[in-house]
């Protein structure tokens, strides 16, 4: 038995071990939150580089919500669910001046990974390859945009959703955010019935 274990009471040793565990846990949480905050700031900066356009008075507010699925071969797959919004490819001839089809806004989406715009999205599913991801915490953000690439806004808020991922974890989703949730009382789906740890929504 080590000398310190012979000299210290068992209860004192247990307290020391518990303290070391708590310090390690707090350190890991702090690093994770730092990475999340850093990635969120990057994405916010990139999204705001585009011009903004208000959806207009009386227009149904578009909704957006992301779900993450670990790809069995490479990276992660993101499903984008939208409401009050027609997600499609631009067709300038068929696009009316008010950008509406049957009273609902239309447009496409922009996909950001760790603050970098990676591609446009005209459908509801996108694959994020491993080469776009870094080790540890990653952020995937999706904004809704007009076909002139303006950010759709409702009031002072961009219409955007994001998910923070760590593919080294069994539960890959660390944090979820949406500015306009489709169903405020529900959480998005994650593959393998993994639970989402937190959800924040602003209306």
N, C-alpha and C. Protein backbone atom coordinates (compact mmCIF):
# COMPACT_ATOMS: atom_id res chain seq x y z
N UNK A 1 0.85 -1.20 0.00
CA UNK A 1 0.00 0.00 0.00
C UNK A 1 0.89 1.25 0.00
N UNK A 2 0.59 2.23 -0.86
CA UNK A 2 1.38 3.46 -0.87
C UNK A 2 1.38 4.13 0.49
N UNK A 3 2.45 4.88 0.76
CA UNK A 3 2.64 5.50 2.07
C UNK A 3 1.50 6.46 2.40
N UNK A 4 1.03 7.26 1.39
CA UNK A 4 -0.01 8.24 1.71
C UNK A 4 -1.31 7.56 2.09
N UNK A 5 -1.57 6.36 1.56
CA UNK A 5 -2.79 5.65 1.92
C UNK A 5 -2.69 5.05 3.32
N UNK A 6 -1.45 4.74 3.77
CA UNK A 6 -1.30 4.22 5.13
C UNK A 6 -1.38 5.33 6.17
N UNK A 7 -0.97 6.55 5.75
CA UNK A 7 -0.94 7.65 6.71
C UNK A 7 -2.28 8.39 6.80
N UNK A 8 -3.04 8.41 5.68
CA UNK A 8 -4.30 9.16 5.66
C UNK A 8 -5.48 8.23 5.89
N UNK A 9 -6.49 8.70 6.66
CA UNK A 9 -7.72 7.91 6.83
C UNK A 9 -8.40 7.66 5.48
N UNK A 10 -9.11 6.55 5.40
CA UNK A 10 -9.78 6.18 4.16
C UNK A 10 -10.77 7.26 3.70
N UNK A 11 -11.47 7.88 4.64
CA UNK A 11 -12.45 8.90 4.29
C UNK A 11 -11.77 10.11 3.65
N UNK A 12 -10.59 10.48 4.17
CA UNK A 12 -9.86 11.62 3.63
C UNK A 12 -9.40 11.32 2.19
N UNK A 13 -8.93 10.09 1.96
CA UNK A 13 -8.50 9.68 0.62
C UNK A 13 -9.67 9.74 -0.36
N UNK A 14 -10.85 9.30 0.11
CA UNK A 14 -12.05 9.33 -0.74
C UNK A 14 -12.41 10.76 -1.12
N UNK A 15 -12.29 11.69 -0.16
CA UNK A 15 -12.60 13.10 -0.41
C UNK A 15 -11.63 13.67 -1.45
N UNK A 16 -10.35 13.32 -1.33
CA UNK A 16 -9.34 13.81 -2.26
C UNK A 16 -9.62 13.31 -3.67
N UNK A 17 -9.95 12.01 -3.76
CA UNK A 17 -10.26 11.44 -5.08
C UNK A 17 -11.50 12.10 -5.69
N UNK A 18 -12.51 12.33 -4.85
CA UNK A 18 -13.73 12.98 -5.33
C UNK A 18 -13.43 14.39 -5.80
N UNK A 19 -12.57 15.09 -5.07
CA UNK A 19 -12.21 16.45 -5.44
C UNK A 19 -11.48 16.47 -6.77
N UNK A 20 -10.54 15.52 -6.96
CA UNK A 20 -9.80 15.44 -8.23
C UNK A 20 -10.75 15.17 -9.39
N UNK A 21 -11.73 14.29 -9.15
CA UNK A 21 -12.71 13.96 -10.20
C UNK A 21 -13.52 15.19 -10.57
N UNK A 22 -13.97 15.95 -9.55
CA UNK A 22 -14.78 17.13 -9.81
C UNK A 22 -13.99 18.20 -10.55
N UNK A 23 -12.70 18.35 -10.21
CA UNK A 23 -11.87 19.32 -10.90
C UNK A 23 -11.72 18.95 -12.37
N UNK A 24 -11.50 17.66 -12.62
CA UNK A 24 -11.37 17.18 -14.00
C UNK A 24 -12.66 17.38 -14.77
N UNK A 25 -13.79 17.07 -14.12
CA UNK A 25 -15.09 17.22 -14.77
C UNK A 25 -15.36 18.68 -15.11
N UNK A 26 -15.08 19.58 -14.16
CA UNK A 26 -15.30 21.01 -14.40
C UNK A 26 -14.40 21.51 -15.53
N UNK A 27 -13.19 20.99 -15.61
CA UNK A 27 -12.26 21.39 -16.67
C UNK A 27 -12.80 20.98 -18.04
N UNK A 28 -13.27 19.73 -18.13
CA UNK A 28 -13.83 19.23 -19.38
C UNK A 28 -15.05 20.05 -19.80
N UNK A 29 -15.93 20.36 -18.83
CA UNK A 29 -17.12 21.16 -19.14
C UNK A 29 -16.73 22.56 -19.61
N UNK A 30 -15.71 23.14 -18.98
CA UNK A 30 -15.28 24.48 -19.36
C UNK A 30 -14.72 24.50 -20.77
N UNK A 31 -13.92 23.50 -21.11
CA UNK A 31 -13.34 23.41 -22.46
C UNK A 31 -14.44 23.25 -23.49
N UNK A 32 -15.43 22.38 -23.18
CA UNK A 32 -16.54 22.16 -24.10
C UNK A 32 -17.34 23.43 -24.34
N UNK A 33 -17.67 24.15 -23.24
CA UNK A 33 -18.43 25.39 -23.37
C UNK A 33 -17.64 26.45 -24.12
N UNK A 34 -16.33 26.48 -23.92
CA UNK A 34 -15.47 27.44 -24.63
C UNK A 34 -15.50 27.16 -26.12
N UNK A 35 -15.41 25.88 -26.49
CA UNK A 35 -15.44 25.51 -27.90
C UNK A 35 -16.81 25.85 -28.52
N UNK A 36 -17.89 25.55 -27.78
CA UNK A 36 -19.23 25.86 -28.27
C UNK A 36 -19.40 27.35 -28.49
N UNK A 37 -18.97 28.15 -27.51
CA UNK A 37 -19.11 29.60 -27.63
C UNK A 37 -18.28 30.14 -28.79
N UNK A 38 -17.07 29.61 -28.96
CA UNK A 38 -16.22 30.05 -30.06
C UNK A 38 -16.82 29.73 -31.41
N UNK A 39 -17.33 28.51 -31.56
CA UNK A 39 -17.94 28.12 -32.82
C UNK A 39 -19.21 28.92 -33.10
N UNK A 40 -20.00 29.20 -32.06
CA UNK A 40 -21.22 29.97 -32.24
C UNK A 40 -20.90 31.38 -32.72
N UNK A 41 -19.83 31.97 -32.17
CA UNK A 41 -19.44 33.31 -32.59
C UNK A 41 -18.99 33.32 -34.04
N UNK A 42 -18.25 32.29 -34.46
CA UNK A 42 -17.80 32.20 -35.84
C UNK A 42 -18.98 32.10 -36.80
N UNK A 43 -19.93 31.22 -36.48
CA UNK A 43 -21.09 31.03 -37.34
C UNK A 43 -21.92 32.31 -37.41
N UNK A 44 -22.10 32.97 -36.27
CA UNK A 44 -22.88 34.19 -36.24
C UNK A 44 -22.25 35.26 -37.12
N UNK A 45 -20.91 35.37 -37.08
CA UNK A 45 -20.20 36.36 -37.90
C UNK A 45 -20.39 36.07 -39.37
N UNK A 46 -20.23 34.79 -39.75
CA UNK A 46 -20.35 34.41 -41.16
C UNK A 46 -21.76 34.64 -41.67
N UNK A 47 -22.77 34.26 -40.89
CA UNK A 47 -24.16 34.43 -41.31
C UNK A 47 -24.49 35.91 -41.50
N UNK A 48 -24.00 36.77 -40.61
CA UNK A 48 -24.33 38.18 -40.68
C UNK A 48 -23.61 38.91 -41.81
N UNK A 49 -22.68 38.23 -42.51
CA UNK A 49 -22.01 38.85 -43.63
C UNK A 49 -22.94 38.99 -44.84
N UNK A 50 -24.04 38.24 -44.85
CA UNK A 50 -25.03 38.36 -45.91
C UNK A 50 -26.03 39.46 -45.54
N UNK A 51 -26.63 40.06 -46.57
CA UNK A 51 -27.66 41.06 -46.34
C UNK A 51 -28.88 40.41 -45.69
N UNK A 52 -29.60 41.20 -44.93
CA UNK A 52 -30.80 40.70 -44.25
C UNK A 52 -32.05 41.20 -44.95
N UNK A 53 -33.10 40.38 -44.87
CA UNK A 53 -34.38 40.76 -45.45
C UNK A 53 -35.50 40.29 -44.54
N UNK A 54 -36.33 41.21 -44.11
CA UNK A 54 -37.45 40.84 -43.25
C UNK A 54 -38.49 40.08 -44.05
N UNK A 55 -39.12 39.11 -43.40
CA UNK A 55 -40.09 38.27 -44.10
C UNK A 55 -41.33 39.05 -44.52
N UNK A 56 -41.58 40.17 -43.88
CA UNK A 56 -42.73 41.00 -44.26
C UNK A 56 -43.93 40.79 -43.36
N UNK A 57 -44.67 41.85 -43.17
CA UNK A 57 -45.84 41.81 -42.30
C UNK A 57 -46.89 40.84 -42.83
N UNK A 58 -47.44 40.04 -41.94
CA UNK A 58 -48.49 39.11 -42.29
C UNK A 58 -48.00 37.80 -42.91
N UNK A 59 -46.70 37.67 -43.08
CA UNK A 59 -46.14 36.44 -43.65
C UNK A 59 -45.98 35.39 -42.56
N UNK A 60 -46.43 34.17 -42.78
CA UNK A 60 -46.19 33.10 -41.79
C UNK A 60 -44.70 32.95 -41.54
N UNK A 61 -44.31 32.92 -40.28
CA UNK A 61 -42.88 32.85 -39.93
C UNK A 61 -42.33 31.47 -40.27
N UNK A 62 -41.29 31.39 -41.10
CA UNK A 62 -40.67 30.10 -41.40
C UNK A 62 -40.09 29.46 -40.14
N UNK A 63 -40.20 28.15 -40.06
CA UNK A 63 -39.67 27.39 -38.94
C UNK A 63 -38.54 26.49 -39.43
N UNK A 64 -37.60 26.19 -38.55
CA UNK A 64 -36.49 25.32 -38.93
C UNK A 64 -36.02 24.52 -37.73
N UNK A 65 -35.67 23.28 -37.98
CA UNK A 65 -35.20 22.39 -36.91
C UNK A 65 -34.28 21.34 -37.52
N UNK A 66 -33.15 21.08 -36.85
CA UNK A 66 -32.15 20.13 -37.36
C UNK A 66 -32.17 18.83 -36.57
N UNK A 67 -31.84 17.75 -37.26
CA UNK A 67 -31.60 16.46 -36.61
C UNK A 67 -30.27 15.93 -37.12
N UNK A 68 -29.51 15.28 -36.25
CA UNK A 68 -28.18 14.79 -36.61
C UNK A 68 -28.13 13.27 -36.57
N UNK A 69 -27.47 12.69 -37.57
CA UNK A 69 -27.33 11.24 -37.66
C UNK A 69 -25.88 10.89 -37.99
N UNK A 70 -25.29 10.07 -37.17
CA UNK A 70 -23.92 9.63 -37.44
C UNK A 70 -23.91 8.80 -38.73
N UNK A 71 -23.09 9.18 -39.69
CA UNK A 71 -23.00 8.41 -40.93
C UNK A 71 -22.17 7.15 -40.69
N UNK A 72 -22.64 5.98 -41.15
CA UNK A 72 -21.92 4.73 -40.87
C UNK A 72 -20.56 4.64 -41.55
N UNK A 73 -20.33 5.50 -42.55
CA UNK A 73 -19.06 5.44 -43.28
C UNK A 73 -18.18 6.65 -42.99
N UNK A 74 -18.77 7.85 -43.02
CA UNK A 74 -17.94 9.05 -42.94
C UNK A 74 -18.76 10.25 -42.43
N UNK A 75 -18.28 10.91 -41.40
CA UNK A 75 -18.88 12.16 -40.96
C UNK A 75 -20.27 12.01 -40.37
N UNK A 76 -21.12 12.97 -40.69
CA UNK A 76 -22.45 13.04 -40.09
C UNK A 76 -23.45 13.52 -41.13
N UNK A 77 -24.70 13.08 -41.00
CA UNK A 77 -25.79 13.53 -41.87
C UNK A 77 -26.72 14.43 -41.07
N UNK A 78 -27.15 15.51 -41.70
CA UNK A 78 -28.05 16.48 -41.07
C UNK A 78 -29.36 16.51 -41.84
N UNK A 79 -30.46 16.36 -41.11
CA UNK A 79 -31.78 16.50 -41.71
C UNK A 79 -32.36 17.85 -41.30
N UNK A 80 -32.83 18.60 -42.27
CA UNK A 80 -33.38 19.94 -42.03
C UNK A 80 -34.89 19.88 -42.23
N UNK A 81 -35.61 20.07 -41.16
CA UNK A 81 -37.07 20.10 -41.23
C UNK A 81 -37.52 21.56 -41.20
N UNK A 82 -38.39 21.94 -42.13
CA UNK A 82 -38.86 23.31 -42.19
C UNK A 82 -40.39 23.35 -42.15
N UNK A 83 -40.91 24.48 -41.72
CA UNK A 83 -42.35 24.72 -41.71
C UNK A 83 -42.62 26.13 -42.23
N UNK A 84 -43.74 26.34 -42.85
CA UNK A 84 -44.07 27.64 -43.45
C UNK A 84 -42.99 28.12 -44.41
N UNK A 85 -42.40 27.17 -45.15
CA UNK A 85 -41.27 27.52 -46.02
C UNK A 85 -41.14 26.48 -47.13
N UNK A 86 -40.95 26.97 -48.34
CA UNK A 86 -40.73 26.10 -49.48
C UNK A 86 -39.24 26.11 -49.82
N UNK A 87 -38.57 25.02 -49.48
CA UNK A 87 -37.13 24.90 -49.71
C UNK A 87 -36.91 24.35 -51.12
N UNK A 88 -36.35 25.18 -52.01
CA UNK A 88 -36.19 24.75 -53.39
C UNK A 88 -35.00 25.43 -54.05
N UNK A 89 -34.72 25.03 -55.28
CA UNK A 89 -33.65 25.64 -56.05
C UNK A 89 -34.16 26.91 -56.72
N UNK A 90 -33.28 27.88 -56.95
CA UNK A 90 -33.73 29.16 -57.53
C UNK A 90 -34.17 29.01 -58.97
N UNK A 91 -35.25 29.63 -59.30
CA UNK A 91 -35.77 29.73 -60.65
C UNK A 91 -36.25 31.16 -60.82
N UNK A 92 -35.38 32.01 -61.33
CA UNK A 92 -35.65 33.45 -61.33
C UNK A 92 -36.89 33.79 -62.15
N UNK A 93 -37.20 32.99 -63.16
CA UNK A 93 -38.36 33.27 -63.99
C UNK A 93 -39.65 33.04 -63.21
N UNK A 94 -39.66 31.97 -62.37
CA UNK A 94 -40.88 31.59 -61.67
C UNK A 94 -40.98 32.20 -60.27
N UNK A 95 -39.96 32.97 -59.86
CA UNK A 95 -39.97 33.54 -58.51
C UNK A 95 -40.72 34.86 -58.50
N UNK A 96 -41.85 34.95 -57.83
CA UNK A 96 -42.59 36.21 -57.77
C UNK A 96 -41.85 37.25 -56.94
N UNK A 97 -42.26 38.48 -57.09
CA UNK A 97 -41.56 39.58 -56.42
C UNK A 97 -41.57 39.44 -54.90
N UNK A 98 -42.65 38.88 -54.35
CA UNK A 98 -42.73 38.76 -52.90
C UNK A 98 -42.15 37.45 -52.38
N UNK A 99 -41.55 36.64 -53.28
CA UNK A 99 -40.89 35.39 -52.90
C UNK A 99 -41.83 34.37 -52.26
N UNK A 100 -43.12 34.47 -52.55
CA UNK A 100 -44.08 33.58 -51.91
C UNK A 100 -44.73 32.65 -52.93
N UNK A 101 -45.05 31.46 -52.46
CA UNK A 101 -45.83 30.50 -53.22
C UNK A 101 -47.00 30.09 -52.34
N UNK A 102 -48.21 30.39 -52.79
CA UNK A 102 -49.41 30.12 -51.98
C UNK A 102 -49.31 30.75 -50.59
N UNK A 103 -48.73 31.95 -50.53
CA UNK A 103 -48.64 32.69 -49.28
C UNK A 103 -47.47 32.31 -48.38
N UNK A 104 -46.67 31.33 -48.81
CA UNK A 104 -45.54 30.86 -48.00
C UNK A 104 -44.23 31.25 -48.68
N UNK A 105 -43.27 31.71 -47.87
CA UNK A 105 -41.98 32.09 -48.43
C UNK A 105 -41.27 30.90 -49.06
N UNK A 106 -40.48 31.19 -50.09
CA UNK A 106 -39.63 30.16 -50.67
C UNK A 106 -38.19 30.66 -50.68
N UNK A 107 -37.29 29.75 -50.84
CA UNK A 107 -35.87 30.10 -50.88
C UNK A 107 -35.04 28.86 -50.68
N UNK A 108 -33.76 29.06 -50.42
CA UNK A 108 -32.87 27.93 -50.16
C UNK A 108 -32.25 28.11 -48.77
N UNK A 109 -31.23 27.33 -48.48
CA UNK A 109 -30.56 27.43 -47.18
C UNK A 109 -29.06 27.47 -47.39
N UNK A 110 -28.35 28.01 -46.40
CA UNK A 110 -26.90 28.00 -46.40
C UNK A 110 -26.42 27.10 -45.25
N UNK A 111 -25.41 26.30 -45.53
CA UNK A 111 -24.87 25.36 -44.54
C UNK A 111 -23.49 25.85 -44.10
N UNK A 112 -23.34 26.00 -42.79
CA UNK A 112 -22.07 26.45 -42.21
C UNK A 112 -21.52 25.35 -41.30
N UNK A 113 -20.22 25.11 -41.39
CA UNK A 113 -19.57 24.16 -40.51
C UNK A 113 -18.43 24.89 -39.80
N UNK A 114 -18.54 25.01 -38.47
CA UNK A 114 -17.55 25.73 -37.67
C UNK A 114 -17.32 27.15 -38.20
N UNK A 115 -18.43 27.81 -38.58
CA UNK A 115 -18.35 29.21 -39.00
C UNK A 115 -17.99 29.43 -40.45
N UNK A 116 -17.75 28.35 -41.19
CA UNK A 116 -17.38 28.47 -42.60
C UNK A 116 -18.55 28.04 -43.47
N UNK A 117 -18.96 28.91 -44.41
CA UNK A 117 -20.02 28.53 -45.32
C UNK A 117 -19.51 27.46 -46.28
N UNK A 118 -20.20 26.31 -46.28
CA UNK A 118 -19.74 25.18 -47.08
C UNK A 118 -20.54 24.97 -48.35
N UNK A 119 -21.84 25.22 -48.30
CA UNK A 119 -22.64 24.98 -49.49
C UNK A 119 -24.04 25.55 -49.33
N UNK A 120 -24.74 25.60 -50.48
CA UNK A 120 -26.16 25.91 -50.48
C UNK A 120 -26.93 24.60 -50.34
N UNK A 121 -28.16 24.73 -49.88
CA UNK A 121 -28.99 23.54 -49.69
C UNK A 121 -30.36 23.80 -50.31
N UNK A 122 -30.77 22.91 -51.21
CA UNK A 122 -32.06 23.05 -51.88
C UNK A 122 -33.04 21.95 -51.46
N UNK A 123 -32.59 21.03 -50.63
CA UNK A 123 -33.44 19.96 -50.13
C UNK A 123 -33.34 19.87 -48.63
N UNK A 124 -33.78 18.76 -48.06
CA UNK A 124 -33.86 18.65 -46.60
C UNK A 124 -32.73 17.84 -45.96
N UNK A 125 -31.82 17.29 -46.76
CA UNK A 125 -30.77 16.46 -46.18
C UNK A 125 -29.41 16.87 -46.74
N UNK A 126 -28.41 16.87 -45.86
CA UNK A 126 -27.06 17.23 -46.28
C UNK A 126 -26.06 16.35 -45.55
N UNK A 127 -25.02 15.92 -46.27
CA UNK A 127 -23.95 15.12 -45.68
C UNK A 127 -22.77 16.03 -45.35
N UNK A 128 -22.28 15.91 -44.13
CA UNK A 128 -21.10 16.66 -43.69
C UNK A 128 -19.93 15.68 -43.61
N UNK A 129 -18.99 15.72 -44.53
CA UNK A 129 -17.88 14.76 -44.52
C UNK A 129 -16.92 15.01 -43.36
N UNK A 130 -16.20 13.98 -43.00
CA UNK A 130 -15.25 14.07 -41.89
C UNK A 130 -14.18 15.14 -42.15
N UNK A 131 -13.84 15.35 -43.42
CA UNK A 131 -12.81 16.33 -43.75
C UNK A 131 -13.21 17.76 -43.40
N UNK A 132 -14.51 18.00 -43.23
CA UNK A 132 -14.97 19.33 -42.83
C UNK A 132 -14.98 19.50 -41.32
N UNK A 133 -14.78 18.42 -40.60
CA UNK A 133 -14.88 18.45 -39.15
C UNK A 133 -13.51 18.41 -38.51
N UNK A 134 -13.43 18.96 -37.31
CA UNK A 134 -12.20 18.90 -36.54
C UNK A 134 -12.38 17.94 -35.37
N UNK A 135 -11.32 17.67 -34.68
CA UNK A 135 -11.40 16.81 -33.51
C UNK A 135 -12.11 17.55 -32.38
N UNK A 136 -13.04 16.88 -31.71
CA UNK A 136 -13.76 17.50 -30.60
C UNK A 136 -15.08 18.11 -31.05
N UNK A 137 -15.39 19.30 -30.52
CA UNK A 137 -16.69 19.93 -30.73
C UNK A 137 -16.75 20.62 -32.09
N UNK A 138 -17.84 20.36 -32.83
CA UNK A 138 -18.08 21.00 -34.12
C UNK A 138 -19.49 21.59 -34.13
N UNK A 139 -19.66 22.67 -34.88
CA UNK A 139 -20.98 23.27 -35.04
C UNK A 139 -21.41 23.20 -36.50
N UNK A 140 -22.63 22.73 -36.72
CA UNK A 140 -23.26 22.80 -38.03
C UNK A 140 -24.46 23.74 -37.91
N UNK A 141 -24.47 24.79 -38.70
CA UNK A 141 -25.56 25.76 -38.67
C UNK A 141 -26.19 25.86 -40.05
N UNK A 142 -27.51 26.05 -40.08
CA UNK A 142 -28.24 26.18 -41.34
C UNK A 142 -29.13 27.41 -41.23
N UNK A 143 -28.98 28.32 -42.18
CA UNK A 143 -29.82 29.53 -42.22
C UNK A 143 -30.74 29.46 -43.43
N UNK A 144 -31.90 30.10 -43.32
CA UNK A 144 -32.83 30.18 -44.44
C UNK A 144 -32.59 31.50 -45.18
N UNK A 145 -32.51 31.40 -46.51
CA UNK A 145 -32.12 32.54 -47.32
C UNK A 145 -33.02 32.69 -48.54
N UNK A 146 -33.16 33.93 -49.00
CA UNK A 146 -33.88 34.16 -50.25
C UNK A 146 -33.00 33.69 -51.40
N UNK A 147 -33.56 33.62 -52.58
CA UNK A 147 -32.78 33.20 -53.74
C UNK A 147 -31.82 34.29 -54.21
N UNK A 148 -31.85 35.45 -53.52
CA UNK A 148 -30.83 36.47 -53.74
C UNK A 148 -29.78 36.42 -52.62
N UNK A 149 -29.84 35.33 -51.82
CA UNK A 149 -28.89 35.04 -50.74
C UNK A 149 -29.03 35.96 -49.53
N UNK A 150 -30.14 36.66 -49.43
CA UNK A 150 -30.40 37.47 -48.23
C UNK A 150 -30.83 36.55 -47.09
N UNK A 151 -30.43 36.90 -45.88
CA UNK A 151 -30.87 36.16 -44.71
C UNK A 151 -32.32 36.52 -44.40
N UNK A 152 -33.19 35.53 -44.36
CA UNK A 152 -34.56 35.81 -43.92
C UNK A 152 -34.54 36.11 -42.43
N UNK A 153 -35.27 37.17 -42.05
CA UNK A 153 -35.32 37.57 -40.66
C UNK A 153 -36.77 37.78 -40.23
N UNK A 154 -37.05 37.46 -38.98
CA UNK A 154 -38.33 37.75 -38.36
C UNK A 154 -38.05 38.64 -37.16
N UNK A 155 -38.43 39.91 -37.28
CA UNK A 155 -38.06 40.85 -36.23
C UNK A 155 -36.56 41.07 -36.26
N UNK A 156 -35.91 40.86 -35.13
CA UNK A 156 -34.46 41.05 -35.04
C UNK A 156 -33.69 39.74 -35.16
N UNK A 157 -34.37 38.65 -35.48
CA UNK A 157 -33.72 37.34 -35.45
C UNK A 157 -33.56 36.75 -36.84
N UNK A 158 -32.35 36.30 -37.15
CA UNK A 158 -32.16 35.46 -38.32
C UNK A 158 -32.91 34.15 -38.11
N UNK A 159 -33.37 33.57 -39.19
CA UNK A 159 -34.05 32.28 -39.10
C UNK A 159 -32.99 31.21 -39.33
N UNK A 160 -32.53 30.61 -38.25
CA UNK A 160 -31.37 29.74 -38.29
C UNK A 160 -31.48 28.66 -37.22
N UNK A 161 -30.86 27.54 -37.48
CA UNK A 161 -30.79 26.46 -36.50
C UNK A 161 -29.38 25.91 -36.51
N UNK A 162 -28.92 25.42 -35.36
CA UNK A 162 -27.58 24.86 -35.30
C UNK A 162 -27.53 23.69 -34.33
N UNK A 163 -26.54 22.86 -34.53
CA UNK A 163 -26.33 21.71 -33.66
C UNK A 163 -24.83 21.59 -33.40
N UNK A 164 -24.48 21.30 -32.14
CA UNK A 164 -23.09 21.12 -31.75
C UNK A 164 -22.82 19.63 -31.55
N UNK A 165 -21.78 19.14 -32.21
CA UNK A 165 -21.52 17.71 -32.27
C UNK A 165 -20.11 17.36 -31.80
N UNK A 166 -19.98 16.18 -31.25
CA UNK A 166 -18.67 15.60 -30.98
C UNK A 166 -18.77 14.12 -31.33
N UNK A 167 -18.20 13.75 -32.46
CA UNK A 167 -18.36 12.38 -32.97
C UNK A 167 -17.60 11.35 -32.15
N UNK A 168 -16.75 11.80 -31.23
CA UNK A 168 -16.05 10.86 -30.36
C UNK A 168 -16.93 10.38 -29.21
N UNK A 169 -18.07 11.06 -29.01
CA UNK A 169 -18.99 10.71 -27.93
C UNK A 169 -20.04 9.73 -28.42
N UNK A 170 -20.56 8.91 -27.50
CA UNK A 170 -21.65 8.02 -27.85
C UNK A 170 -22.89 8.82 -28.22
N UNK A 171 -23.21 9.83 -27.40
CA UNK A 171 -24.28 10.77 -27.72
C UNK A 171 -23.64 11.96 -28.43
N UNK A 172 -23.73 11.99 -29.74
CA UNK A 172 -22.92 12.93 -30.51
C UNK A 172 -23.39 14.38 -30.39
N UNK A 173 -24.66 14.60 -30.05
CA UNK A 173 -25.18 15.97 -29.96
C UNK A 173 -24.96 16.52 -28.55
N UNK A 174 -24.23 17.63 -28.48
CA UNK A 174 -23.95 18.27 -27.19
C UNK A 174 -24.94 19.40 -26.89
N UNK A 175 -25.40 20.06 -27.94
CA UNK A 175 -26.23 21.25 -27.74
C UNK A 175 -27.01 21.52 -29.02
N UNK A 176 -28.22 22.04 -28.86
CA UNK A 176 -29.08 22.30 -30.01
C UNK A 176 -29.71 23.69 -29.86
N UNK A 177 -29.82 24.40 -30.98
CA UNK A 177 -30.42 25.73 -30.96
C UNK A 177 -31.27 25.93 -32.21
N UNK A 178 -32.40 26.59 -32.08
CA UNK A 178 -33.16 27.06 -33.22
C UNK A 178 -33.84 28.37 -32.87
N UNK A 179 -33.83 29.30 -33.82
CA UNK A 179 -34.48 30.59 -33.57
C UNK A 179 -35.99 30.50 -33.74
N UNK A 180 -36.44 29.52 -34.55
CA UNK A 180 -37.87 29.36 -34.81
C UNK A 180 -38.21 27.87 -34.81
N UNK A 181 -38.46 27.28 -33.63
CA UNK A 181 -38.74 25.84 -33.57
C UNK A 181 -40.06 25.47 -34.23
N UNK A 182 -40.08 24.31 -34.86
CA UNK A 182 -41.30 23.82 -35.49
C UNK A 182 -42.31 23.45 -34.41
N UNK A 183 -41.84 22.75 -33.38
CA UNK A 183 -42.68 22.38 -32.24
C UNK A 183 -41.89 22.67 -30.98
N UNK A 184 -42.17 23.77 -30.29
CA UNK A 184 -41.38 24.16 -29.11
C UNK A 184 -41.34 23.11 -28.01
N UNK A 185 -42.30 22.20 -27.99
CA UNK A 185 -42.35 21.21 -26.90
C UNK A 185 -41.60 19.93 -27.23
N UNK A 186 -41.11 19.81 -28.46
CA UNK A 186 -40.42 18.57 -28.85
C UNK A 186 -38.96 18.83 -29.13
N UNK A 187 -38.17 17.76 -29.12
CA UNK A 187 -36.76 17.83 -29.42
C UNK A 187 -36.50 17.11 -30.73
N UNK A 188 -35.49 17.54 -31.50
CA UNK A 188 -35.18 16.88 -32.75
C UNK A 188 -34.64 15.48 -32.52
N UNK A 189 -34.69 14.67 -33.57
CA UNK A 189 -34.28 13.28 -33.47
C UNK A 189 -32.77 13.16 -33.65
N UNK A 190 -32.17 12.28 -32.89
CA UNK A 190 -30.77 11.94 -33.07
C UNK A 190 -30.68 10.44 -33.27
N UNK A 191 -29.75 10.02 -34.11
CA UNK A 191 -29.65 8.61 -34.46
C UNK A 191 -29.38 7.73 -33.26
N UNK A 192 -29.79 6.50 -33.35
CA UNK A 192 -29.56 5.50 -32.31
C UNK A 192 -30.21 5.87 -30.99
N UNK A 193 -31.30 6.65 -31.07
CA UNK A 193 -32.06 7.06 -29.88
C UNK A 193 -31.20 7.79 -28.87
N UNK A 194 -30.13 8.46 -29.33
CA UNK A 194 -29.27 9.22 -28.43
C UNK A 194 -30.01 10.47 -27.99
N UNK A 195 -29.88 10.80 -26.74
CA UNK A 195 -30.64 11.92 -26.18
C UNK A 195 -29.88 13.22 -26.37
N UNK A 196 -30.61 14.27 -26.70
CA UNK A 196 -30.04 15.59 -26.81
C UNK A 196 -29.99 16.20 -25.42
N UNK A 197 -28.82 16.74 -25.08
CA UNK A 197 -28.61 17.18 -23.71
C UNK A 197 -29.25 18.52 -23.39
N UNK A 198 -29.36 19.39 -24.41
CA UNK A 198 -29.95 20.67 -24.10
C UNK A 198 -30.57 21.26 -25.35
N UNK A 199 -31.58 22.07 -25.16
CA UNK A 199 -32.24 22.74 -26.28
C UNK A 199 -32.64 24.13 -25.85
N UNK A 200 -32.30 25.10 -26.70
CA UNK A 200 -32.67 26.47 -26.40
C UNK A 200 -33.37 27.02 -27.62
N UNK A 201 -34.47 27.69 -27.45
CA UNK A 201 -35.21 28.25 -28.56
C UNK A 201 -35.63 29.67 -28.23
N UNK A 202 -35.54 30.55 -29.23
CA UNK A 202 -35.98 31.93 -29.08
C UNK A 202 -37.12 32.16 -30.05
N UNK A 203 -38.19 32.75 -29.60
CA UNK A 203 -39.34 33.00 -30.46
C UNK A 203 -39.31 34.44 -30.92
